[in-house]
Amino acid sequence: MCDVPIVPAPVRELLDEVWAVYGQFTASKLESMTHQEPPWINTPQSDPISHGVMAEFFNTLVIDDGQGKDTQAQAR
């Protein structure tokens, strides 16, 4: 038997959506993409990017589908 933790359905759905959008990219492509986004650009070099800045940015990538469920925008 495998010791895989049980993930709550809402978390699994979110992870599946993230994978569907970003799973196609290599690590170097993901790095390149993130380095062109506001959280990275607007944070001084060597400073950590705050959770608040990240949340604010990624909330702009979520689309309300009008049915009470948010969906992710397509990767750029």
C-alpha atoms as a PDB file:
ATOM      1  CA  MET A   1       0.000   0.000   0.000  1.00  0.00           C
ATOM      2  CA  CYS A   2       1.197   3.507  -0.811  1.00  0.00           C
ATOM      3  CA  ASP A   3       1.554   6.230   1.836  1.00  0.00           C
ATOM      4  CA  VAL A   4      -0.030   8.979  -0.273  1.00  0.00           C
ATOM      5  CA  PRO A   5      -1.725  11.675   1.804  1.00  0.00           C
ATOM      6  CA  ILE A   6      -5.417  12.256   1.205  1.00  0.00           C
ATOM      7  CA  VAL A   7      -5.945  15.650  -0.398  1.00  0.00           C
ATOM      8  CA  PRO A   8      -9.309  17.377   0.101  1.00  0.00           C
ATOM      9  CA  ALA A   9     -11.348  17.629  -3.115  1.00  0.00           C
ATOM     10  CA  PRO A  10     -11.152  21.467  -3.409  1.00  0.00           C
ATOM     11  CA  VAL A  11      -7.366  21.344  -3.044  1.00  0.00           C
ATOM     12  CA  ARG A  12      -7.128  18.539  -5.598  1.00  0.00           C
ATOM     13  CA  GLU A  13      -9.301  20.507  -8.039  1.00  0.00           C
ATOM     14  CA  LEU A  14      -7.054  23.555  -7.660  1.00  0.00           C
ATOM     15  CA  LEU A  15      -3.911  21.478  -8.160  1.00  0.00           C
ATOM     16  CA  ASP A  16      -5.429  19.833 -11.234  1.00  0.00           C
ATOM     17  CA  GLU A  17      -6.263  23.256 -12.707  1.00  0.00           C
ATOM     18  CA  VAL A  18      -2.751  24.554 -12.047  1.00  0.00           C
ATOM     19  CA  TRP A  19      -1.259  21.420 -13.613  1.00  0.00           C
ATOM     20  CA  ALA A  20      -3.556  21.717 -16.651  1.00  0.00           C
ATOM     21  CA  VAL A  21      -2.267  25.237 -17.317  1.00  0.00           C
ATOM     22  CA  TYR A  22       1.370  25.085 -16.213  1.00  0.00           C
ATOM     23  CA  GLY A  23       2.259  21.388 -16.445  1.00  0.00           C
ATOM     24  CA  GLN A  24       3.184  21.758 -20.098  1.00  0.00           C
ATOM     25  CA  PHE A  25       6.144  24.039 -19.356  1.00  0.00           C
ATOM     26  CA  THR A  26       9.729  23.143 -18.480  1.00  0.00           C
ATOM     27  CA  ALA A  27      11.339  24.464 -15.308  1.00  0.00           C
ATOM     28  CA  SER A  28      13.398  26.972 -17.303  1.00  0.00           C
ATOM     29  CA  LYS A  29      10.289  28.227 -19.136  1.00  0.00           C
ATOM     30  CA  LEU A  30       8.425  28.635 -15.826  1.00  0.00           C
ATOM     31  CA  GLU A  31      11.410  30.549 -14.414  1.00  0.00           C
ATOM     32  CA  SER A  32      11.472  32.800 -17.465  1.00  0.00           C
ATOM     33  CA  MET A  33       7.729  33.419 -17.203  1.00  0.00           C
ATOM     34  CA  THR A  34       7.846  34.320 -13.504  1.00  0.00           C
ATOM     35  CA  HIS A  35      10.803  36.664 -13.940  1.00  0.00           C
ATOM     36  CA  GLN A  36       8.689  38.746 -16.333  1.00  0.00           C
ATOM     37  CA  GLU A  37       5.745  39.138 -13.934  1.00  0.00           C
ATOM     38  CA  PRO A  38       5.090  42.067 -11.552  1.00  0.00           C
ATOM     39  CA  PRO A  39       5.838  40.265  -8.250  1.00  0.00           C
ATOM     40  CA  TRP A  40       9.360  39.499  -9.476  1.00  0.00           C
ATOM     41  CA  ILE A  41       9.923  42.801 -11.296  1.00  0.00           C
ATOM     42  CA  ASN A  42       8.616  44.985  -8.442  1.00  0.00           C
ATOM     43  CA  THR A  43      10.522  43.258  -5.632  1.00  0.00           C
ATOM     44  CA  PRO A  44      14.108  44.416  -4.987  1.00  0.00           C
ATOM     45  CA  GLN A  45      16.742  41.857  -5.929  1.00  0.00           C
ATOM     46  CA  SER A  46      17.509  39.359  -3.143  1.00  0.00           C
ATOM     47  CA  ASP A  47      14.349  40.343  -1.213  1.00  0.00           C
ATOM     48  CA  PRO A  48      11.685  37.679  -0.717  1.00  0.00           C
ATOM     49  CA  ILE A  49       8.428  38.168  -2.601  1.00  0.00           C
ATOM     50  CA  SER A  50       5.692  38.541   0.006  1.00  0.00           C
ATOM     51  CA  HIS A  51       2.717  36.208   0.140  1.00  0.00           C
ATOM     52  CA  GLY A  52       0.430  39.236  -0.151  1.00  0.00           C
ATOM     53  CA  VAL A  53       2.078  40.403  -3.368  1.00  0.00           C
ATOM     54  CA  MET A  54       1.857  36.889  -4.793  1.00  0.00           C
ATOM     55  CA  ALA A  55      -1.795  36.515  -3.772  1.00  0.00           C
ATOM     56  CA  GLU A  56      -2.710  39.876  -5.278  1.00  0.00           C
ATOM     57  CA  PHE A  57      -1.014  38.993  -8.557  1.00  0.00           C
ATOM     58  CA  PHE A  58      -2.431  35.483  -8.885  1.00  0.00           C
ATOM     59  CA  ASN A  59      -5.930  36.681  -7.984  1.00  0.00           C
ATOM     60  CA  THR A  60      -5.780  38.702 -11.211  1.00  0.00           C
ATOM     61  CA  LEU A  61      -5.343  35.402 -13.085  1.00  0.00           C
ATOM     62  CA  VAL A  62      -8.509  33.835 -11.682  1.00  0.00           C
ATOM     63  CA  ILE A  63     -11.730  34.261 -13.639  1.00  0.00           C
ATOM     64  CA  ASP A  64     -15.156  34.074 -12.011  1.00  0.00           C
ATOM     65  CA  ASP A  65     -17.214  31.784 -14.247  1.00  0.00           C
ATOM     66  CA  GLY A  66     -20.473  33.294 -12.967  1.00  0.00           C
ATOM     67  CA  GLN A  67     -21.499  30.016 -11.341  1.00  0.00           C
ATOM     68  CA  GLY A  68     -19.675  30.487  -8.070  1.00  0.00           C
ATOM     69  CA  LYS A  69     -16.596  28.650  -9.286  1.00  0.00           C
ATOM     70  CA  ASP A  70     -13.363  30.378 -10.181  1.00  0.00           C
ATOM     71  CA  THR A  71     -11.302  29.132 -13.089  1.00  0.00           C
ATOM     72  CA  GLN A  72      -7.760  29.944 -14.069  1.00  0.00           C
ATOM     73  CA  ALA A  73      -6.902  32.133 -16.999  1.00  0.00           C
ATOM     74  CA  GLN A  74      -4.722  30.553 -19.663  1.00  0.00           C
ATOM     75  CA  ALA A  75      -0.970  30.906 -19.193  1.00  0.00           C
ATOM     76  CA  ARG A  76       0.582  33.663 -21.181  1.00  0.00           C
END
